[in-house]
Amino acid sequence: MFRYIYIIPTISLIINLLSISAPAQSTFTIGIEQDALPYFTGGYFGAVWAGKGHLRGRALLARVHKPDFITPDGFTNNHTTAYAFLADYFLKEDWKGWWIGAGLVYWDNSIQSDQKLSTAQYHNTLLNGSLGYNWKFYRHFYLSPWAGMSLRINNRNKVTVDNQSFTPPLFNPEVSLKLGWHF
């Protein structure tokens, strides 16, 4: 239930931003995106977005299996299911060129110690900031290299699993490549 607490206010904010800040001649557009990074880790990603003028709102669901080389020593099987609601601003219309975005992210995580005796579940709420570039390469298809940083804003500082303490990072950097299409 906790993960859904931000859905209504975030959707309302995105709709209000789209309705007051886009010029009247701009058309309302919807699109879908796939991100390469989760698939490379054995996970998945799906995003839908809607926008008008220079603004768009995105909702996404992703599952990422974090590799052991980025998981602290003594821990393994660090998995995250992410739910995010983001707003993006494009410098140009027609969803091309540079964009900057921000929003709320909720992570539902699990982790094990190297002993693999039990699995700990923990949750993070994060603020995200992202920057990317949409390159249209064929009609409504685009590639979007991007980078982002998420700041953990909840108070969960320690997770105990198999008598070991894992500390979720305060900052979570990301970089990847998206493939998208808009109607």
C-alpha atoms as a PDB file:
ATOM      1  CA  MET A   1       0.000   0.000   0.000  1.00  0.00           C
ATOM      2  CA  PHE A   2       2.832   2.402   0.861  1.00  0.00           C
ATOM      3  CA  ARG A   3       4.212   2.338  -2.676  1.00  0.00           C
ATOM      4  CA  TYR A   4       0.934   3.714  -4.050  1.00  0.00           C
ATOM      5  CA  ILE A   5       0.736   6.714  -1.699  1.00  0.00           C
ATOM      6  CA  TYR A   6       2.404   9.013  -4.249  1.00  0.00           C
ATOM      7  CA  ILE A   7       0.390   7.965  -7.328  1.00  0.00           C
ATOM      8  CA  ILE A   8      -2.613  10.325  -7.106  1.00  0.00           C
ATOM      9  CA  PRO A   9      -0.690  13.501  -6.114  1.00  0.00           C
ATOM     10  CA  THR A  10       2.008  12.857  -8.728  1.00  0.00           C
ATOM     11  CA  ILE A  11      -0.443  12.200 -11.572  1.00  0.00           C
ATOM     12  CA  SER A  12      -2.416  15.293 -10.559  1.00  0.00           C
ATOM     13  CA  LEU A  13       0.748  17.424 -10.554  1.00  0.00           C
ATOM     14  CA  ILE A  14       1.808  16.154 -13.996  1.00  0.00           C
ATOM     15  CA  ILE A  15      -1.637  16.827 -15.497  1.00  0.00           C
ATOM     16  CA  ASN A  16      -1.687  20.349 -14.024  1.00  0.00           C
ATOM     17  CA  LEU A  17       1.810  21.127 -15.323  1.00  0.00           C
ATOM     18  CA  LEU A  18       0.912  19.891 -18.794  1.00  0.00           C
ATOM     19  CA  SER A  19      -2.308  21.883 -18.905  1.00  0.00           C
ATOM     20  CA  ILE A  20      -0.959  25.273 -17.754  1.00  0.00           C
ATOM     21  CA  SER A  21       2.486  25.476 -19.289  1.00  0.00           C
ATOM     22  CA  ALA A  22       2.084  24.207 -22.850  1.00  0.00           C
ATOM     23  CA  PRO A  23       1.089  26.559 -25.674  1.00  0.00           C
ATOM     24  CA  ALA A  24      -2.404  26.115 -27.058  1.00  0.00           C
ATOM     25  CA  GLN A  25      -1.099  25.104 -30.517  1.00  0.00           C
ATOM     26  CA  SER A  26       0.927  22.156 -29.127  1.00  0.00           C
ATOM     27  CA  THR A  27      -0.546  18.714 -29.544  1.00  0.00           C
ATOM     28  CA  PHE A  28      -1.001  16.172 -26.802  1.00  0.00           C
ATOM     29  CA  THR A  29       1.236  13.134 -27.410  1.00  0.00           C
ATOM     30  CA  ILE A  30       1.703   9.760 -25.744  1.00  0.00           C
ATOM     31  CA  GLY A  31       4.616   7.349 -26.014  1.00  0.00           C
ATOM     32  CA  ILE A  32       6.341   4.246 -24.704  1.00  0.00           C
ATOM     33  CA  GLU A  33       9.959   3.561 -23.755  1.00  0.00           C
ATOM     34  CA  GLN A  34      12.276   0.635 -23.092  1.00  0.00           C
ATOM     35  CA  ASP A  35      15.568   0.978 -21.211  1.00  0.00           C
ATOM     36  CA  ALA A  36      18.525  -1.314 -21.969  1.00  0.00           C
ATOM     37  CA  LEU A  37      20.102  -1.471 -18.482  1.00  0.00           C
ATOM     38  CA  PRO A  38      17.520  -3.642 -16.667  1.00  0.00           C
ATOM     39  CA  TYR A  39      17.568  -6.212 -19.501  1.00  0.00           C
ATOM     40  CA  PHE A  40      21.376  -6.537 -19.256  1.00  0.00           C
ATOM     41  CA  THR A  41      20.953  -7.510 -15.596  1.00  0.00           C
ATOM     42  CA  GLY A  42      18.203 -10.063 -16.258  1.00  0.00           C
ATOM     43  CA  GLY A  43      15.380  -7.680 -15.358  1.00  0.00           C
ATOM     44  CA  TYR A  44      12.808  -5.673 -17.283  1.00  0.00           C
ATOM     45  CA  PHE A  45      11.624  -2.110 -17.882  1.00  0.00           C
ATOM     46  CA  GLY A  46       8.474  -0.467 -19.208  1.00  0.00           C
ATOM     47  CA  ALA A  47       7.471   3.182 -19.333  1.00  0.00           C
ATOM     48  CA  VAL A  48       4.553   5.157 -20.694  1.00  0.00           C
ATOM     49  CA  TRP A  49       4.439   8.901 -21.046  1.00  0.00           C
ATOM     50  CA  ALA A  50       2.141  11.718 -22.069  1.00  0.00           C
ATOM     51  CA  GLY A  51       3.092  15.251 -22.929  1.00  0.00           C
ATOM     52  CA  LYS A  52       2.290  18.559 -24.514  1.00  0.00           C
ATOM     53  CA  GLY A  53       4.595  21.347 -25.648  1.00  0.00           C
ATOM     54  CA  HIS A  54       7.909  21.057 -23.866  1.00  0.00           C
ATOM     55  CA  LEU A  55       6.643  18.943 -20.937  1.00  0.00           C
ATOM     56  CA  ARG A  56       5.907  15.276 -20.489  1.00  0.00           C
ATOM     57  CA  GLY A  57       4.984  13.074 -17.544  1.00  0.00           C
ATOM     58  CA  ARG A  58       6.336   9.523 -17.304  1.00  0.00           C
ATOM     59  CA  ALA A  59       5.352   6.483 -15.272  1.00  0.00           C
ATOM     60  CA  LEU A  60       7.647   3.476 -15.205  1.00  0.00           C
ATOM     61  CA  LEU A  61       8.101   0.031 -13.746  1.00  0.00           C
ATOM     62  CA  ALA A  62      11.495  -1.690 -13.731  1.00  0.00           C
ATOM     63  CA  ARG A  63      13.162  -4.732 -12.198  1.00  0.00           C
ATOM     64  CA  VAL A  64      16.946  -4.654 -11.818  1.00  0.00           C
ATOM     65  CA  HIS A  65      19.279  -7.350 -10.532  1.00  0.00           C
ATOM     66  CA  LYS A  66      22.270  -5.365  -9.284  1.00  0.00           C
ATOM     67  CA  PRO A  67      25.563  -7.104 -10.144  1.00  0.00           C
ATOM     68  CA  ASP A  68      27.750  -8.243  -7.252  1.00  0.00           C
ATOM     69  CA  PHE A  69      30.576  -5.890  -8.310  1.00  0.00           C
ATOM     70  CA  ILE A  70      28.420  -2.899  -7.273  1.00  0.00           C
ATOM     71  CA  THR A  71      26.969  -4.607  -4.184  1.00  0.00           C
ATOM     72  CA  PRO A  72      29.010  -4.153  -0.979  1.00  0.00           C
ATOM     73  CA  ASP A  73      31.318  -7.017   0.051  1.00  0.00           C
ATOM     74  CA  GLY A  74      29.543  -9.670   2.073  1.00  0.00           C
ATOM     75  CA  PHE A  75      26.229  -9.290   0.206  1.00  0.00           C
ATOM     76  CA  THR A  76      24.685 -10.707  -2.973  1.00  0.00           C
ATOM     77  CA  ASN A  77      21.392 -11.013  -4.860  1.00  0.00           C
ATOM     78  CA  ASN A  78      20.528  -7.324  -4.509  1.00  0.00           C
ATOM     79  CA  HIS A  79      17.292  -6.901  -6.488  1.00  0.00           C
ATOM     80  CA  THR A  80      15.167  -3.787  -6.965  1.00  0.00           C
ATOM     81  CA  THR A  81      11.682  -3.299  -8.360  1.00  0.00           C
ATOM     82  CA  ALA A  82      11.248   0.407  -9.101  1.00  0.00           C
ATOM     83  CA  TYR A  83       8.068   2.454  -9.538  1.00  0.00           C
ATOM     84  CA  ALA A  84       8.586   6.035 -10.697  1.00  0.00           C
ATOM     85  CA  PHE A  85       6.576   9.117 -11.620  1.00  0.00           C
ATOM     86  CA  LEU A  86       8.643  11.776 -13.355  1.00  0.00           C
ATOM     87  CA  ALA A  87       8.181  15.064 -15.192  1.00  0.00           C
ATOM     88  CA  ASP A  88      10.531  16.037 -18.051  1.00  0.00           C
ATOM     89  CA  TYR A  89      11.171  19.366 -19.744  1.00  0.00           C
ATOM     90  CA  PHE A  90      12.461  19.454 -23.358  1.00  0.00           C
ATOM     91  CA  LEU A  91      14.357  22.457 -24.703  1.00  0.00           C
ATOM     92  CA  LYS A  92      12.700  21.805 -28.105  1.00  0.00           C
ATOM     93  CA  GLU A  93       9.199  20.646 -28.955  1.00  0.00           C
ATOM     94  CA  ASP A  94       8.415  17.382 -30.747  1.00  0.00           C
ATOM     95  CA  TRP A  95      10.234  15.309 -28.080  1.00  0.00           C
ATOM     96  CA  LYS A  96      13.711  15.734 -29.536  1.00  0.00           C
ATOM     97  CA  GLY A  97      16.982  17.120 -28.262  1.00  0.00           C
ATOM     98  CA  TRP A  98      17.997  17.779 -24.670  1.00  0.00           C
ATOM     99  CA  TRP A  99      15.661  17.118 -21.746  1.00  0.00           C
ATOM    100  CA  ILE A 100      15.889  17.393 -17.978  1.00  0.00           C
ATOM    101  CA  GLY A 101      13.626  15.551 -15.561  1.00  0.00           C
ATOM    102  CA  ALA A 102      12.793  14.992 -11.916  1.00  0.00           C
ATOM    103  CA  GLY A 103      10.370  12.964  -9.838  1.00  0.00           C
ATOM    104  CA  LEU A 104       9.621  10.462  -7.109  1.00  0.00           C
ATOM    105  CA  VAL A 105      10.811   6.868  -7.152  1.00  0.00           C
ATOM    106  CA  TYR A 106       9.845   3.981  -4.884  1.00  0.00           C
ATOM    107  CA  TRP A 107      12.138   0.947  -4.650  1.00  0.00           C
ATOM    108  CA  ASP A 108      11.012  -2.440  -3.339  1.00  0.00           C
ATOM    109  CA  ASN A 109      14.322  -4.239  -2.620  1.00  0.00           C
ATOM    110  CA  SER A 110      15.666  -7.592  -1.489  1.00  0.00           C
ATOM    111  CA  ILE A 111      19.204  -8.641  -0.561  1.00  0.00           C
ATOM    112  CA  GLN A 112      21.059 -11.626   0.839  1.00  0.00           C
ATOM    113  CA  SER A 113      24.347 -12.001   2.660  1.00  0.00           C
ATOM    114  CA  ASP A 114      27.004 -14.183   1.036  1.00  0.00           C
ATOM    115  CA  GLN A 115      25.824 -16.942   3.412  1.00  0.00           C
ATOM    116  CA  LYS A 116      22.433 -16.952   1.602  1.00  0.00           C
ATOM    117  CA  LEU A 117      20.592 -18.142   4.708  1.00  0.00           C
ATOM    118  CA  SER A 118      17.755 -15.618   4.481  1.00  0.00           C
ATOM    119  CA  THR A 119      16.555 -12.725   2.343  1.00  0.00           C
ATOM    120  CA  ALA A 120      15.903  -9.245   3.730  1.00  0.00           C
ATOM    121  CA  GLN A 121      13.227  -7.007   2.229  1.00  0.00           C
ATOM    122  CA  TYR A 122      13.582  -3.223   2.422  1.00  0.00           C
ATOM    123  CA  HIS A 123      12.070  -0.184   0.757  1.00  0.00           C
ATOM    124  CA  ASN A 124      13.435   3.157  -0.380  1.00  0.00           C
ATOM    125  CA  THR A 125      11.764   6.384  -1.421  1.00  0.00           C
ATOM    126  CA  LEU A 126      13.987   8.530  -3.620  1.00  0.00           C
ATOM    127  CA  LEU A 127      14.055  11.887  -5.385  1.00  0.00           C
ATOM    128  CA  ASN A 128      15.419  11.556  -8.909  1.00  0.00           C
ATOM    129  CA  GLY A 129      17.032  14.043 -11.272  1.00  0.00           C
ATOM    130  CA  SER A 130      17.873  13.047 -14.853  1.00  0.00           C
ATOM    131  CA  LEU A 131      19.349  14.529 -18.014  1.00  0.00           C
ATOM    132  CA  GLY A 132      19.176  13.044 -21.488  1.00  0.00           C
ATOM    133  CA  TYR A 133      19.068  13.621 -25.223  1.00  0.00           C
ATOM    134  CA  ASN A 134      16.366  12.278 -27.575  1.00  0.00           C
ATOM    135  CA  TRP A 135      17.726  11.532 -31.032  1.00  0.00           C
ATOM    136  CA  LYS A 136      14.962  10.810 -33.541  1.00  0.00           C
ATOM    137  CA  PHE A 137      16.269   8.300 -36.049  1.00  0.00           C
ATOM    138  CA  TYR A 138      13.148   7.130 -37.902  1.00  0.00           C
ATOM    139  CA  ARG A 139       9.725   8.760 -37.899  1.00  0.00           C
ATOM    140  CA  HIS A 140       8.475   8.538 -34.304  1.00  0.00           C
ATOM    141  CA  PHE A 141      11.301   6.298 -33.017  1.00  0.00           C
ATOM    142  CA  TYR A 142      14.084   7.770 -30.895  1.00  0.00           C
ATOM    143  CA  LEU A 143      17.155   6.793 -28.897  1.00  0.00           C
ATOM    144  CA  SER A 144      17.765   8.555 -25.616  1.00  0.00           C
ATOM    145  CA  PRO A 145      21.097   8.251 -23.822  1.00  0.00           C
ATOM    146  CA  TRP A 146      20.601   9.540 -20.291  1.00  0.00           C
ATOM    147  CA  ALA A 147      22.140   9.820 -16.839  1.00  0.00           C
ATOM    148  CA  GLY A 148      20.510  10.354 -13.483  1.00  0.00           C
ATOM    149  CA  MET A 149      21.056  10.582  -9.766  1.00  0.00           C
ATOM    150  CA  SER A 150      18.602   9.509  -7.086  1.00  0.00           C
ATOM    151  CA  LEU A 151      18.735  10.669  -3.465  1.00  0.00           C
ATOM    152  CA  ARG A 152      17.302   8.352  -0.785  1.00  0.00           C
ATOM    153  CA  ILE A 153      14.854  10.418   1.301  1.00  0.00           C
ATOM    154  CA  ASN A 154      13.465   7.837   3.718  1.00  0.00           C
ATOM    155  CA  ASN A 155      15.088   7.090   7.084  1.00  0.00           C
ATOM    156  CA  ARG A 156      15.974   3.435   6.496  1.00  0.00           C
ATOM    157  CA  ASN A 157      19.716   3.448   7.203  1.00  0.00           C
ATOM    158  CA  LYS A 158      20.407  -0.210   8.066  1.00  0.00           C
ATOM    159  CA  VAL A 159      19.074  -3.540   6.817  1.00  0.00           C
ATOM    160  CA  THR A 160      19.912  -6.661   8.822  1.00  0.00           C
ATOM    161  CA  VAL A 161      20.291  -9.990   7.037  1.00  0.00           C
ATOM    162  CA  ASP A 162      21.995 -13.100   8.485  1.00  0.00           C
ATOM    163  CA  ASN A 163      23.371 -11.013  11.408  1.00  0.00           C
ATOM    164  CA  GLN A 164      25.052  -8.571   9.017  1.00  0.00           C
ATOM    165  CA  SER A 165      24.118  -4.922   8.444  1.00  0.00           C
ATOM    166  CA  PHE A 166      23.678  -3.563   4.955  1.00  0.00           C
ATOM    167  CA  THR A 167      23.425   0.210   4.479  1.00  0.00           C
ATOM    168  CA  PRO A 168      21.450   1.298   1.382  1.00  0.00           C
ATOM    169  CA  PRO A 169      23.373   4.045  -0.437  1.00  0.00           C
ATOM    170  CA  LEU A 170      22.281   7.656   0.013  1.00  0.00           C
ATOM    171  CA  PHE A 171      23.035   8.469  -3.648  1.00  0.00           C
ATOM    172  CA  ASN A 172      22.247   6.109  -6.549  1.00  0.00           C
ATOM    173  CA  PRO A 173      23.760   7.073  -9.937  1.00  0.00           C
ATOM    174  CA  GLU A 174      22.385   5.615 -13.170  1.00  0.00           C
ATOM    175  CA  VAL A 175      23.302   5.773 -16.842  1.00  0.00           C
ATOM    176  CA  SER A 176      21.678   3.935 -19.738  1.00  0.00           C
ATOM    177  CA  LEU A 177      20.119   4.082 -23.195  1.00  0.00           C
ATOM    178  CA  LYS A 178      16.382   4.136 -23.914  1.00  0.00           C
ATOM    179  CA  LEU A 179      14.526   3.245 -27.090  1.00  0.00           C
ATOM    180  CA  GLY A 180      11.218   5.040 -27.440  1.00  0.00           C
ATOM    181  CA  TRP A 181       8.309   5.663 -29.754  1.00  0.00           C
ATOM    182  CA  HIS A 182       5.575   8.258 -29.665  1.00  0.00           C
ATOM    183  CA  PHE A 183       2.184   8.393 -31.387  1.00  0.00           C
END
